[in-house]
Protein backbone atom coordinates (compact mmCIF):
# COMPACT_ATOMS: atom_id res chain seq x y z
CA MET A 1 21.66 -7.26 29.52
CA GLU A 2 20.83 -4.05 31.41
CA ARG A 3 17.29 -2.69 31.30
CA ARG A 4 15.81 0.48 32.74
CA LEU A 5 12.46 2.29 32.83
CA SER A 6 12.71 5.44 30.70
CA ALA A 7 10.59 8.02 28.97
CA ILE A 8 11.62 8.06 25.31
CA LEU A 9 11.02 11.13 23.14
CA ALA A 10 11.17 10.74 19.34
CA ALA A 11 11.07 13.76 17.01
CA ASP A 12 11.51 14.43 13.30
CA VAL A 13 10.99 17.22 10.76
CA VAL A 14 7.86 17.13 8.57
CA GLY A 15 8.52 17.21 4.81
CA TYR A 16 12.29 17.42 5.24
CA SER A 17 13.01 15.99 1.76
CA ALA A 18 10.92 18.70 0.09
CA LEU A 19 12.64 21.43 2.13
CA MET A 20 16.05 20.05 1.15
CA GLU A 21 15.06 20.02 -2.51
CA GLN A 22 14.07 23.69 -2.36
CA ASP A 23 17.15 24.88 -0.44
CA GLU A 24 19.61 22.23 0.65
CA ALA A 25 22.19 24.47 2.33
CA GLY A 26 19.65 26.74 3.98
CA THR A 27 17.53 23.83 5.24
CA PHE A 28 20.54 22.05 6.72
CA GLY A 29 21.67 25.28 8.38
CA ARG A 30 18.26 25.92 9.92
CA LEU A 31 18.01 22.34 11.16
CA ARG A 32 21.44 22.61 12.80
CA ALA A 33 20.51 25.94 14.38
CA HIS A 34 17.26 24.54 15.78
CA ARG A 35 19.15 21.63 17.30
CA LYS A 36 21.90 23.75 18.84
CA GLU A 37 19.78 26.70 19.97
CA LEU A 38 16.49 25.03 20.93
CA PHE A 39 16.43 21.23 21.09
CA GLU A 40 19.71 20.51 22.83
CA PRO A 41 19.31 23.25 25.50
CA GLU A 42 15.65 22.36 26.23
CA ILE A 43 16.35 18.64 26.49
CA GLU A 44 19.27 19.31 28.83
CA LYS A 45 17.18 21.80 30.85
CA HIS A 46 14.57 19.07 31.38
CA HIS A 47 17.25 16.59 32.46
CA GLY A 48 17.09 14.55 29.26
CA ARG A 49 19.82 13.14 27.00
CA ILE A 50 19.91 12.76 23.22
CA PHE A 51 21.07 9.23 22.48
CA LYS A 52 20.53 9.04 18.71
CA LEU A 53 20.39 11.45 15.75
CA THR A 54 18.58 10.29 12.58
CA GLY A 55 19.34 12.90 9.94
CA ASP A 56 16.29 15.10 10.40
CA GLY A 57 15.23 13.58 13.73
CA LEU A 58 16.42 12.51 17.16
CA PHE A 59 15.69 10.25 20.13
CA ALA A 60 16.09 11.44 23.73
CA GLU A 61 15.84 9.64 27.09
CA PHE A 62 14.35 11.10 30.28
CA THR A 63 14.28 9.59 33.74
CA SER A 64 11.08 11.57 34.44
CA VAL A 65 8.07 11.24 32.15
CA VAL A 66 6.78 14.59 33.43
CA ASN A 67 10.01 16.22 32.27
CA ALA A 68 9.68 14.50 28.89
CA VAL A 69 6.19 15.87 28.25
CA GLU A 70 7.07 19.35 29.51
CA CYS A 71 10.14 19.32 27.26
CA ALA A 72 8.07 18.31 24.23
CA VAL A 73 5.62 21.16 24.82
CA SER A 74 8.48 23.62 25.27
CA LEU A 75 10.07 22.42 22.03
CA GLN A 76 6.88 22.85 20.01
CA ARG A 77 6.17 26.28 21.46
CA GLY A 78 9.77 27.34 20.96
CA LEU A 79 9.73 26.19 17.36
CA LEU A 80 6.46 28.06 16.79
CA GLU A 81 8.12 31.28 18.00
CA ARG A 82 11.17 30.72 15.82
CA ASN A 83 8.98 30.04 12.78
CA ALA A 84 7.15 33.32 13.26
CA SER A 85 10.31 35.25 12.41
CA VAL A 86 11.10 33.53 9.07
CA ALA A 87 9.45 33.27 5.67
CA GLU A 88 6.73 30.62 5.36
CA ASP A 89 8.73 28.48 2.91
CA GLN A 90 11.62 28.32 5.41
CA ARG A 91 9.60 27.19 8.41
CA MET A 92 10.19 23.80 9.98
CA TYR A 93 7.53 21.77 11.73
CA VAL A 94 8.27 18.81 13.95
CA ARG A 95 6.25 15.81 15.14
CA ILE A 96 6.96 14.34 18.57
CA GLY A 97 6.07 10.99 20.15
CA ILE A 98 6.65 9.97 23.79
CA ASN A 99 6.52 6.50 25.33
CA LEU A 100 7.20 5.18 28.82
CA ALA A 101 8.70 1.70 28.88
CA GLU A 102 11.61 -0.50 29.79
CA VAL A 103 14.48 -0.10 27.33
CA ILE A 104 17.67 -2.03 26.70
CA VAL A 105 20.85 -0.17 27.63
CA GLU A 106 23.68 -0.74 25.17
CA GLY A 107 26.44 1.76 25.85
CA ASP A 108 25.08 5.20 25.03
CA ASP A 109 22.29 3.74 22.88
CA ARG A 110 18.80 2.67 23.94
CA LEU A 111 17.01 -0.16 22.16
CA GLY A 112 13.85 -2.24 22.31
CA GLU A 113 10.12 -2.08 21.71
CA GLY A 114 9.75 0.95 23.99
CA VAL A 115 11.91 2.99 21.61
CA ASN A 116 10.10 1.64 18.55
CA ILE A 117 6.70 2.63 19.96
CA ALA A 118 7.94 6.18 20.59
CA ALA A 119 8.90 6.37 16.90
CA ARG A 120 5.47 5.09 15.84
CA LEU A 121 3.73 7.65 18.09
CA GLU A 122 5.77 10.41 16.46
CA GLN A 123 4.53 9.28 13.02
CA LEU A 124 0.91 9.54 14.22
CA ALA A 125 1.37 13.13 15.40
CA GLU A 126 0.30 16.11 13.33
CA PRO A 127 2.87 18.70 12.20
CA GLY A 128 3.62 20.75 15.33
CA GLY A 129 1.88 18.11 17.46
CA ILE A 130 2.68 15.60 20.19
CA CYS A 131 1.32 12.06 20.62
CA VAL A 132 1.90 10.01 23.77
CA SER A 133 1.12 6.46 24.82
CA GLY A 134 -1.58 5.57 27.31
CA LYS A 135 1.12 4.86 29.91
CA VAL A 136 2.46 8.40 29.57
CA SER A 137 -1.00 9.97 29.75
CA LYS A 138 -1.94 7.98 32.85
CA GLU A 139 1.31 8.90 34.59
CA VAL A 140 1.18 12.67 34.01
CA GLU A 141 -2.54 13.52 33.76
CA LYS A 142 -2.75 14.75 37.36
CA LYS A 143 0.63 16.46 37.29
CA LEU A 144 0.49 18.70 34.21
CA ALA A 145 -1.91 21.38 33.03
CA PHE A 146 -2.24 20.00 29.51
CA ALA A 147 -5.26 18.30 28.02
CA PHE A 148 -4.92 14.82 26.54
CA GLU A 149 -7.32 13.97 23.71
CA PRO A 150 -7.82 10.22 23.22
CA MET A 151 -7.18 8.90 19.70
CA GLY A 152 -8.10 5.32 20.56
CA GLU A 153 -6.14 2.13 20.10
CA GLN A 154 -3.88 2.33 17.08
CA LYS A 155 -2.32 -0.64 15.30
CA VAL A 156 1.27 0.34 14.51
CA LYS A 157 3.91 -1.34 12.40
CA ASN A 158 5.81 -4.31 13.89
CA ILE A 159 4.04 -4.00 17.27
CA THR A 160 1.72 -6.92 18.01
CA GLU A 161 -0.66 -5.28 20.47
CA PRO A 162 -2.53 -2.05 19.63
CA VAL A 163 -1.17 1.07 21.34
CA GLN A 164 -3.46 3.42 23.26
CA VAL A 165 -2.68 6.89 21.87
CA TYR A 166 -3.39 10.38 23.18
CA LYS A 167 -2.81 13.73 21.55
CA VAL A 168 -1.43 16.52 23.74
CA LYS A 169 -3.60 19.62 23.42
CA LEU A 170 -1.34 22.60 23.91
CA GLU A 171 -4.29 24.92 24.51
CA GLY A 172 -7.56 24.60 26.41
CA PRO A 173 -8.62 23.16 29.77
CA LYS A 174 -7.28 19.95 31.13
CA VAL A 175 -9.42 16.91 30.34
CA ARG A 176 -8.94 13.64 32.15
CA PRO A 177 -8.71 10.83 29.58
CA ARG A 178 -10.90 7.79 29.94
CA PRO A 179 -10.16 4.25 28.74
CA ARG A 180 -11.84 3.33 25.47
CA GLU A 181 -12.73 -0.08 24.06
CA THR A 182 -14.34 0.69 20.71
CA PRO A 183 -12.75 -0.14 17.31
CA PRO A 184 -10.17 2.22 15.78
CA MET A 185 -12.54 3.88 13.28
CA GLN A 186 -15.13 4.65 15.94
CA GLU A 187 -12.35 5.68 18.30
CA VAL A 188 -11.39 8.53 16.02
CA SER A 189 -14.99 9.38 15.31
CA SER A 190 -15.88 9.81 18.97
CA THR A 191 -13.18 12.40 19.60
CA ILE A 192 -13.02 14.13 16.21
CA PRO A 193 -16.09 14.69 14.05
CA ALA A 194 -16.24 11.95 11.41
CA VAL A 195 -18.23 12.45 8.22
CA ALA A 196 -19.12 10.48 5.12
CA VAL A 197 -20.11 12.30 1.93
CA LEU A 198 -22.51 10.31 -0.27
CA PRO A 199 -22.73 10.84 -4.03
CA PHE A 200 -25.30 13.54 -4.77
CA ASP A 201 -28.45 12.46 -6.63
CA ASP A 202 -28.96 13.67 -10.18
CA LEU A 203 -32.30 15.50 -10.49
CA SER A 204 -31.70 16.91 -13.97
CA ALA A 205 -34.52 16.44 -16.44
CA ASP A 206 -32.71 13.94 -18.66
CA GLN A 207 -31.15 11.98 -15.77
CA ASN A 208 -27.76 11.73 -17.51
CA LEU A 209 -25.66 13.87 -15.17
CA GLY A 210 -24.80 11.31 -12.51
CA TYR A 211 -21.14 12.22 -12.99
CA LEU A 212 -21.92 15.72 -11.73
CA GLY A 213 -23.30 14.51 -8.40
CA ASP A 214 -20.36 12.13 -7.99
CA GLY A 215 -17.87 14.86 -8.83
CA VAL A 216 -19.34 17.44 -6.47
CA ALA A 217 -19.34 14.91 -3.63
CA GLU A 218 -15.76 13.83 -4.37
CA ASP A 219 -14.49 17.40 -4.43
CA ILE A 220 -16.21 18.08 -1.10
CA ILE A 221 -14.42 14.99 0.28
CA THR A 222 -11.12 16.40 -0.99
CA ALA A 223 -11.79 19.81 0.57
CA LEU A 224 -12.84 18.39 3.93
CA SER A 225 -9.84 16.05 4.04
CA ARG A 226 -7.55 19.09 4.41
CA PHE A 227 -8.93 19.89 7.84
CA PRO A 228 -7.07 18.14 10.68
CA ASP A 229 -10.03 18.33 13.05
CA LEU A 230 -12.25 16.22 10.78
CA VAL A 231 -12.13 12.55 9.83
CA VAL A 232 -13.47 12.10 6.30
CA VAL A 233 -14.34 8.67 4.94
CA ALA A 234 -12.77 8.08 1.54
CA ARG A 235 -14.72 7.95 -1.71
CA GLY A 236 -14.54 4.18 -2.06
CA SER A 237 -16.38 3.65 1.22
CA SER A 238 -19.09 6.27 1.01
CA PHE A 239 -19.82 5.74 -2.70
CA ALA A 240 -20.64 2.10 -2.00
CA TYR A 241 -24.07 3.38 -0.93
CA LYS A 242 -24.82 5.03 -4.27
CA GLY A 243 -28.38 4.40 -5.37
CA LYS A 244 -29.28 2.47 -2.22
CA ALA A 245 -32.08 3.46 0.15
CA ILE A 246 -30.35 2.86 3.48
CA ASP A 247 -31.12 4.39 6.85
CA MET A 248 -28.53 7.01 7.81
CA ARG A 249 -28.19 5.40 11.23
CA GLN A 250 -27.08 2.18 9.55
CA ILE A 251 -24.52 4.04 7.44
CA GLY A 252 -23.23 5.66 10.61
CA ARG A 253 -22.76 2.28 12.28
CA GLU A 254 -21.17 0.62 9.24
CA LEU A 255 -18.72 3.44 8.46
CA GLY A 256 -18.12 4.54 12.04
CA VAL A 257 -19.18 8.16 11.37
CA GLY A 258 -21.29 10.61 13.31
CA TYR A 259 -22.46 12.61 10.30
CA VAL A 260 -23.50 12.02 6.70
CA VAL A 261 -23.66 14.62 3.95
CA GLU A 262 -26.13 13.89 1.17
CA GLY A 263 -27.83 15.98 -1.45
CA SER A 264 -28.78 16.47 -5.08
CA VAL A 265 -27.64 18.39 -8.13
CA ARG A 266 -29.56 19.89 -11.01
CA LYS A 267 -28.01 21.55 -14.05
CA GLU A 268 -29.98 23.53 -16.61
CA GLY A 269 -27.88 25.40 -19.14
CA GLU A 270 -25.58 27.75 -17.25
CA LYS A 271 -27.46 27.27 -13.98
CA LEU A 272 -26.35 24.82 -11.34
CA ARG A 273 -28.25 24.05 -8.14
CA ILE A 274 -27.03 21.96 -5.23
CA VAL A 275 -29.27 20.96 -2.35
CA SER A 276 -27.30 19.57 0.56
CA GLN A 277 -28.08 18.39 4.05
CA LEU A 278 -26.06 17.26 7.03
CA ILE A 279 -27.55 14.40 9.04
CA HIS A 280 -26.61 13.17 12.49
CA THR A 281 -26.35 9.38 12.27
CA LYS A 282 -27.12 8.79 15.92
CA ASN A 283 -30.76 9.80 15.56
CA GLY A 284 -31.22 10.53 11.84
CA GLU A 285 -32.01 14.19 12.53
CA HIS A 286 -30.97 17.03 10.22
CA VAL A 287 -28.25 19.32 11.50
CA TRP A 288 -28.91 21.70 8.62
CA ALA A 289 -30.19 21.75 5.06
CA GLU A 290 -29.47 24.39 2.46
CA ARG A 291 -29.94 25.16 -1.23
CA PHE A 292 -27.18 26.76 -3.28
CA ASP A 293 -27.65 28.28 -6.72
CA ARG A 294 -24.99 29.50 -9.11
CA ALA A 295 -25.02 30.61 -12.72
CA GLY A 296 -22.30 31.34 -15.23
CA THR A 297 -18.59 31.18 -14.67
CA ASP A 298 -17.80 30.09 -11.13
CA PRO A 299 -18.85 26.53 -10.21
CA TRP A 300 -16.11 26.34 -7.58
CA ALA A 301 -17.76 29.04 -5.50
CA LEU A 302 -20.82 26.84 -5.10
CA GLN A 303 -18.73 23.99 -3.73
CA ASP A 304 -16.90 26.44 -1.50
CA GLU A 305 -20.15 27.53 0.13
CA VAL A 306 -21.31 23.96 0.67
CA THR A 307 -17.95 22.90 2.10
CA GLY A 308 -17.76 25.93 4.35
CA MET A 309 -21.21 25.20 5.76
CA ILE A 310 -20.29 21.58 6.46
CA VAL A 311 -17.06 22.48 8.23
CA SER A 312 -18.77 25.15 10.32
CA ALA A 313 -21.62 22.86 11.28
CA LEU A 314 -19.26 20.06 12.34
CA THR A 315 -16.65 22.02 14.25
CA GLY A 316 -18.56 25.04 15.48
CA GLU A 317 -15.72 27.32 14.42
CA THR A 318 -16.27 30.49 12.41
CA GLY A 319 -13.07 32.31 13.32
CA ALA A 320 -10.34 33.74 11.15
CA LEU A 321 -8.13 30.64 11.37
CA LYS A 322 -10.79 28.36 9.93
CA GLN A 323 -11.56 30.84 7.18
CA ALA A 324 -7.87 31.13 6.37
CA GLN A 325 -7.53 27.35 6.08
CA TYR A 326 -10.61 27.27 3.93
CA GLN A 327 -9.42 29.97 1.54
CA GLN A 328 -6.02 28.29 1.27
CA ALA A 329 -7.68 25.00 0.39
CA TRP A 330 -10.00 26.33 -2.33
CA GLY A 331 -8.53 29.53 -3.77
CA LYS A 332 -9.69 28.81 -7.31
CA GLY A 333 -8.89 30.49 -10.57
CA ALA A 334 -11.45 31.40 -13.16
CA THR A 335 -12.70 27.92 -14.01
CA THR A 336 -15.88 28.00 -16.05
CA LEU A 337 -18.85 25.75 -15.56
CA GLU A 338 -18.35 24.10 -18.95
CA GLU A 339 -14.67 23.46 -18.23
CA TYR A 340 -15.61 21.93 -14.90
CA ASP A 341 -18.18 19.78 -16.68
CA TYR A 342 -15.47 18.29 -18.93
CA TYR A 343 -13.33 17.59 -15.89
CA LEU A 344 -16.13 15.71 -14.11
CA ARG A 345 -17.33 13.73 -17.12
CA GLY A 346 -13.82 12.51 -17.80
CA HIS A 347 -13.17 11.71 -14.17
CA GLU A 348 -16.29 9.55 -14.00
CA GLN A 349 -14.79 7.35 -16.73
CA TYR A 350 -11.26 7.48 -15.33
CA VAL A 351 -12.10 6.05 -11.90
CA LYS A 352 -13.42 2.86 -13.51
CA TYR A 353 -9.71 1.95 -13.97
CA THR A 354 -10.53 -0.06 -17.08
CA LYS A 355 -8.98 0.29 -20.53
CA GLU A 356 -12.30 1.52 -21.93
CA GLY A 357 -12.79 3.99 -19.11
CA ILE A 358 -9.26 5.37 -19.34
CA GLU A 359 -9.50 5.79 -23.12
CA ARG A 360 -12.86 7.55 -22.83
CA SER A 361 -11.55 9.91 -20.15
CA GLY A 362 -8.73 10.94 -22.49
CA GLU A 363 -11.19 11.65 -25.29
CA ILE A 364 -13.31 13.87 -23.03
CA TRP A 365 -10.35 15.82 -21.64
CA ARG A 366 -8.85 16.37 -25.11
CA GLU A 367 -12.22 17.68 -26.27
CA GLY A 368 -12.27 20.00 -23.28
CA LEU A 369 -8.75 21.25 -23.97
CA ALA A 370 -9.75 22.05 -27.55
CA LYS A 371 -12.22 24.55 -26.07
CA PHE A 372 -10.11 25.58 -23.06
CA PRO A 373 -6.48 25.21 -24.23
CA SER A 374 -5.00 27.00 -21.22
CA SER A 375 -6.87 24.99 -18.57
CA PRO A 376 -4.36 23.60 -16.02
CA LEU A 377 -7.09 21.39 -14.57
CA LEU A 378 -7.76 19.62 -17.87
CA LYS A 379 -4.05 19.41 -18.70
CA VAL A 380 -3.20 17.67 -15.45
CA LYS A 381 -6.12 15.29 -15.84
CA LEU A 382 -5.02 14.44 -19.39
CA GLY A 383 -1.61 13.74 -17.91
CA TRP A 384 -3.21 11.26 -15.51
CA HIS A 385 -4.91 9.61 -18.49
CA HIS A 386 -1.55 8.97 -20.15
CA MET A 387 0.05 7.79 -16.91
CA MET A 388 -2.77 5.41 -16.10
CA ARG A 389 -2.43 3.79 -19.55
CA VAL A 390 1.10 2.83 -18.49
CA MET A 391 0.13 1.84 -14.96
CA ILE A 392 -2.62 -0.58 -16.03
CA PHE A 393 -0.46 -1.95 -18.87
CA VAL A 394 -2.65 -0.99 -21.86
CA SER A 395 -0.26 1.46 -23.53
CA ASP A 396 1.13 0.65 -26.99
CA ASP A 397 4.15 2.87 -26.28
CA PRO A 398 4.75 3.39 -22.52
CA PRO A 399 7.88 5.59 -22.93
CA ALA A 400 5.98 7.94 -25.24
CA ASN A 401 3.11 8.11 -22.76
CA VAL A 402 5.52 8.95 -19.94
CA ARG A 403 7.15 11.69 -22.02
CA LYS A 404 3.72 13.20 -22.69
CA VAL A 405 2.86 13.04 -18.99
CA GLY A 406 6.10 14.80 -18.13
CA GLU A 407 5.40 17.59 -20.62
CA LEU A 408 1.89 18.17 -19.28
CA ALA A 409 2.87 18.00 -15.59
CA ARG A 410 5.83 20.35 -15.99
CA HIS A 411 3.77 22.80 -18.00
CA VAL A 412 1.11 22.89 -15.28
CA LEU A 413 3.62 23.20 -12.43
CA ALA A 414 5.29 26.14 -14.19
CA ASN A 415 2.11 28.12 -13.44
CA GLU A 416 2.70 30.17 -10.28
CA HIS A 417 -1.01 30.67 -9.63
CA LEU A 418 -2.32 27.12 -9.36
CA SER A 419 -5.17 26.32 -7.04
CA PRO A 420 -4.19 23.88 -4.25
CA GLN A 421 -6.41 21.25 -5.86
CA VAL A 422 -4.59 21.38 -9.20
CA ALA A 423 -1.18 21.70 -7.50
CA ARG A 424 -1.94 18.54 -5.52
CA LEU A 425 -2.90 16.60 -8.65
CA ALA A 426 0.13 17.90 -10.56
CA ASN A 427 2.69 17.11 -7.85
CA TRP A 428 1.12 13.69 -7.32
CA LEU A 429 1.39 13.03 -11.06
CA MET A 430 4.94 14.39 -11.13
CA SER A 431 6.04 11.95 -8.45
CA PHE A 432 5.13 9.04 -10.75
CA VAL A 433 6.77 10.73 -13.76
CA LEU A 434 10.04 11.18 -11.87
CA VAL A 435 10.01 7.54 -10.79
CA GLN A 436 9.74 6.53 -14.44
CA GLU A 437 12.56 8.96 -15.30
CA LYS A 438 14.67 7.35 -12.54
CA ASP A 439 14.91 10.62 -10.58
CA PHE A 440 14.06 8.85 -7.36
CA ASP A 441 15.02 11.67 -4.98
CA GLY A 442 12.92 14.08 -7.03
CA ALA A 443 10.00 11.65 -6.95
CA LEU A 444 10.18 11.48 -3.17
CA ALA A 445 10.26 15.28 -2.91
CA ALA A 446 7.20 15.55 -5.19
CA ALA A 447 5.37 12.99 -3.04
CA ASP A 448 6.20 15.02 0.08
CA LYS A 449 4.79 18.16 -1.57
CA THR A 450 1.62 16.31 -2.48
CA VAL A 451 1.07 15.08 1.06
CA ALA A 452 1.71 18.58 2.42
CA LEU A 453 -1.10 19.91 0.20
CA ALA A 454 -3.64 17.33 1.47
CA PRO A 455 -2.20 15.51 4.51
CA TYR A 456 -5.48 13.78 5.39
CA ASP A 457 -6.36 12.46 1.93
CA THR A 458 -6.29 8.75 2.73
CA PHE A 459 -6.76 7.51 -0.83
CA MET A 460 -3.89 9.66 -2.09
CA LEU A 461 -1.68 8.38 0.72
CA SER A 462 -2.55 4.80 -0.24
CA ARG A 463 -1.63 5.32 -3.89
CA LEU A 464 1.59 7.21 -3.13
CA MET A 465 2.83 4.13 -1.29
CA MET A 466 3.99 2.84 -4.68
CA VAL A 467 6.34 5.81 -5.03
CA LEU A 468 7.88 4.96 -1.66
CA VAL A 469 8.30 1.31 -2.63
CA GLN A 470 9.99 2.13 -5.93
CA VAL A 471 12.37 4.72 -4.47
CA GLY A 472 13.54 2.22 -1.87
CA ARG A 473 11.40 3.00 1.18
CA PRO A 474 9.15 -0.04 1.64
CA ASP A 475 9.16 0.31 5.44
CA GLN A 476 7.78 3.84 5.19
CA ALA A 477 5.16 2.60 2.72
CA LEU A 478 3.97 0.09 5.32
CA GLN A 479 3.74 2.88 7.88
CA TRP A 480 1.53 4.85 5.49
CA ALA A 481 -0.59 1.75 5.01
CA ASP A 482 -1.12 1.56 8.77
CA LEU A 483 -2.23 5.22 8.79
CA ALA A 484 -4.61 4.61 5.90
CA ALA A 485 -6.05 1.50 7.57
CA ALA A 486 -6.65 3.39 10.81
CA ARG A 487 -8.41 6.25 9.02
CA ASP A 488 -10.51 4.21 6.57
CA PRO A 489 -10.44 0.40 6.77
CA ALA A 490 -12.67 0.10 3.69
CA LEU A 491 -9.81 1.36 1.50
CA GLY A 492 -8.09 -2.01 1.85
CA TRP A 493 -8.13 -2.61 -1.91
CA ALA A 494 -5.76 0.38 -2.30
CA TYR A 495 -3.44 0.18 0.70
CA ASN A 496 -3.23 -3.63 0.67
CA TYR A 497 -1.98 -3.43 -2.91
CA GLY A 498 0.83 -1.15 -1.76
CA ARG A 499 1.42 -3.37 1.25
CA GLY A 500 1.77 -6.37 -1.06
CA TRP A 501 4.49 -4.66 -3.09
CA ALA A 502 6.31 -3.55 0.08
CA HIS A 503 6.30 -7.08 1.52
CA LEU A 504 7.56 -8.50 -1.79
CA VAL A 505 10.48 -6.07 -1.85
CA LEU A 506 11.28 -6.89 1.77
CA GLY A 507 11.21 -10.62 1.01
CA ARG A 508 8.17 -11.31 3.22
CA PHE A 509 6.34 -13.51 0.76
CA GLY A 510 3.88 -15.08 3.21
CA GLU A 511 2.80 -11.62 4.41
CA ALA A 512 2.52 -10.50 0.79
CA VAL A 513 0.07 -13.34 0.12
CA ASP A 514 -1.98 -12.40 3.19
CA VAL A 515 -2.61 -8.84 1.99
CA LEU A 516 -2.72 -9.39 -1.77
CA THR A 517 -5.54 -11.91 -1.44
CA GLN A 518 -7.58 -8.98 -0.07
CA THR A 519 -7.37 -6.89 -3.25
CA GLU A 520 -7.74 -7.36 -7.00
CA PHE A 521 -6.55 -3.88 -7.88
CA ASN A 522 -4.49 -3.55 -11.06
CA ASP A 523 -1.90 -6.36 -11.30
CA ALA A 524 -2.43 -7.81 -7.81
CA HIS A 525 -2.81 -11.28 -9.36
CA LEU A 526 0.69 -11.01 -10.83
CA LEU A 527 2.13 -9.90 -7.51
CA LEU A 528 0.48 -12.93 -5.90
CA ALA A 529 2.02 -15.12 -8.58
CA ILE A 530 5.48 -13.79 -7.68
CA ALA A 531 4.90 -14.49 -4.00
CA TYR A 532 3.66 -18.00 -4.73
CA VAL A 533 6.69 -18.79 -6.91
CA ARG A 534 8.95 -17.62 -4.08
CA LEU A 535 7.05 -19.89 -1.68
CA GLY A 536 7.35 -22.88 -4.01
CA ARG A 537 3.62 -22.93 -4.86
CA LEU A 538 3.95 -22.99 -8.64
CA ASP A 539 0.42 -24.23 -9.38
CA ASP A 540 -1.05 -21.35 -7.37
CA ALA A 541 1.24 -18.93 -9.19
CA ARG A 542 0.07 -20.15 -12.60
CA ALA A 543 -3.56 -19.87 -11.51
CA GLU A 544 -3.01 -16.20 -10.60
CA VAL A 545 -1.43 -15.46 -13.98
CA ASP A 546 -4.44 -17.08 -15.66
CA LYS A 547 -6.75 -14.80 -13.67
CA MET A 548 -4.74 -11.76 -14.76
CA MET A 549 -4.85 -12.82 -18.41
CA LYS A 550 -8.64 -13.06 -18.26
CA ILE A 551 -8.84 -9.51 -16.89
CA ASN A 552 -6.27 -8.10 -19.33
CA PRO A 553 -5.61 -10.55 -22.20
CA ALA A 554 -3.05 -8.22 -23.79
CA ILE A 555 -0.73 -7.99 -20.79
CA THR A 556 2.82 -9.21 -21.36
CA LEU A 557 6.00 -9.33 -19.34
CA GLN A 558 7.41 -6.49 -21.43
CA ALA A 559 4.41 -4.23 -20.73
CA TRP A 560 4.50 -5.16 -17.04
CA ARG A 561 8.18 -4.23 -16.69
CA LEU A 562 7.63 -0.87 -18.41
CA GLY A 563 4.96 -0.03 -15.84
CA TYR A 564 7.55 0.16 -13.05
CA SER A 565 10.94 1.69 -12.30
CA PHE A 566 12.87 0.78 -9.15
CA ARG A 567 15.93 2.40 -7.64
CA ASP A 568 17.24 -1.16 -7.38
CA PRO A 569 16.73 -2.57 -10.91
CA ALA A 570 17.50 -6.08 -9.71
CA ILE A 571 14.03 -6.20 -8.13
CA LEU A 572 12.28 -6.26 -11.51
CA ASP A 573 14.85 -8.66 -12.93
CA ARG A 574 14.14 -11.18 -10.16
CA TYR A 575 10.38 -10.92 -10.37
CA ALA A 576 10.31 -11.01 -14.17
CA LEU A 577 11.89 -14.46 -14.01
CA ASP A 578 9.25 -15.52 -11.50
CA LEU A 579 6.44 -14.38 -13.80
CA VAL A 580 7.92 -16.23 -16.78
CA GLN A 581 8.05 -19.35 -14.63
CA ALA A 582 4.38 -18.75 -13.72
CA GLY A 583 3.42 -18.57 -17.41
CA LEU A 584 3.17 -14.84 -18.26
CA PRO A 585 3.92 -14.32 -21.99
CA LYS A 586 7.13 -12.37 -22.62
CA THR A 587 5.77 -10.32 -25.53
């Protein structure tokens, strides 16, 4: 077996499935042109060789790691220039990863862990970005005029040891990287500002508007998660501190963040006041504090001001680019304060993920739609109500619920003037609808659109893993789980659920048990029962079914099957037999 030391470059197109859905022939033509006119000539110019094409991606080998990095930078800059001359919806963005390692030579192909790590580094890169391993950074740091920003040790799929990762900064002065030994969450926090947003306290006179403080905080989390130069702790982690008097320095240590946003809300009639402050967790000092007042018809503007202040205070940027990103993220329509109030009150019930909470959320959103019948925000949330009834197995008629969801989602998406927030929720919802309708390619395209609208929303990424599993991409789902775990370890209840399903589909029943015992979300007990049956542990399987029946006494095999739709229908057939063996009632 021949081995050689090589620099491996891995590249692929971001959101390729969505681009193909919009314009299959045009997208394929542009991809081919980029390869022939940019990628192949640049790789050859830098003395590299393409050894594998992967549909929308490629792998190339270089004998010089310096040439590999220079080539990657040239490719990204060249693609940026080419994008400038085409319409925005026709632009292609590429992620690139580079690793230096021994590889196995097998004819014209290159194999081994060194190639796999390059692929994992590419998946960690931002659109238009480059990630390299610590070996690459160490080798070229004194030879190239590019800065390397440390991202810390990252645990990547199917690689036992964590990989030291650096991001190539295409602009700015050269910075010599230093070795780091802190945990992954603090790794990211020390190089990129990391922030946790706590639920805002309710200071209204009657003390019954807690949902408002929660909703404002959650929407700020959503807005901040769109910015690539911020790490934002997900709702499940930061909301664990609700109602607790805890020192901000302790929160900083426990969540691995440098900053905490806290505040209060007060609503009196048509007047809404938010008081917010940004606190540095290292010393507990205030970075800034501000009061925002709004009255009448534009509650979104109030959140916009708060979010803008937070972003500015954390990044120190007030330029046109930041403002453009900000306006793109929160370009709202004319949502009224009362309409927004219905949205938040329903959402407070919805996120309980109980039958009672889901039913109450539907009641609130229907009441809101009676007053605001054209509201896309309330329509898409009502769609989520119907979908969640199916997903937690409490629907009396799952097909009817899915049809209603499809009607609502399609009606909302037909609106050409949706805010990014509503478009994200609608495309996310549509991905689940299309899975149920067995349009698996369409579901994947909708998931890609959703991620493009909020690429750093870790919770959303965790939940969309189930779309990937059902359309036949369990390996990609596990990759998303690794990203979610690196960004917010406290979201384990969400991404470990998706991991459990992925391992089941891949036949890794022991690994499925390992992760499913770390979550009780939804039907995790039933998934554990399946894994135990497959491992020959029938008593354990029956115990898990008993636990599920105590949580949801009405659940049956029929309802469970209607909650899922797989590209390979044999998956449900196999696991249905396992659940019957474990004691789940058929009807």
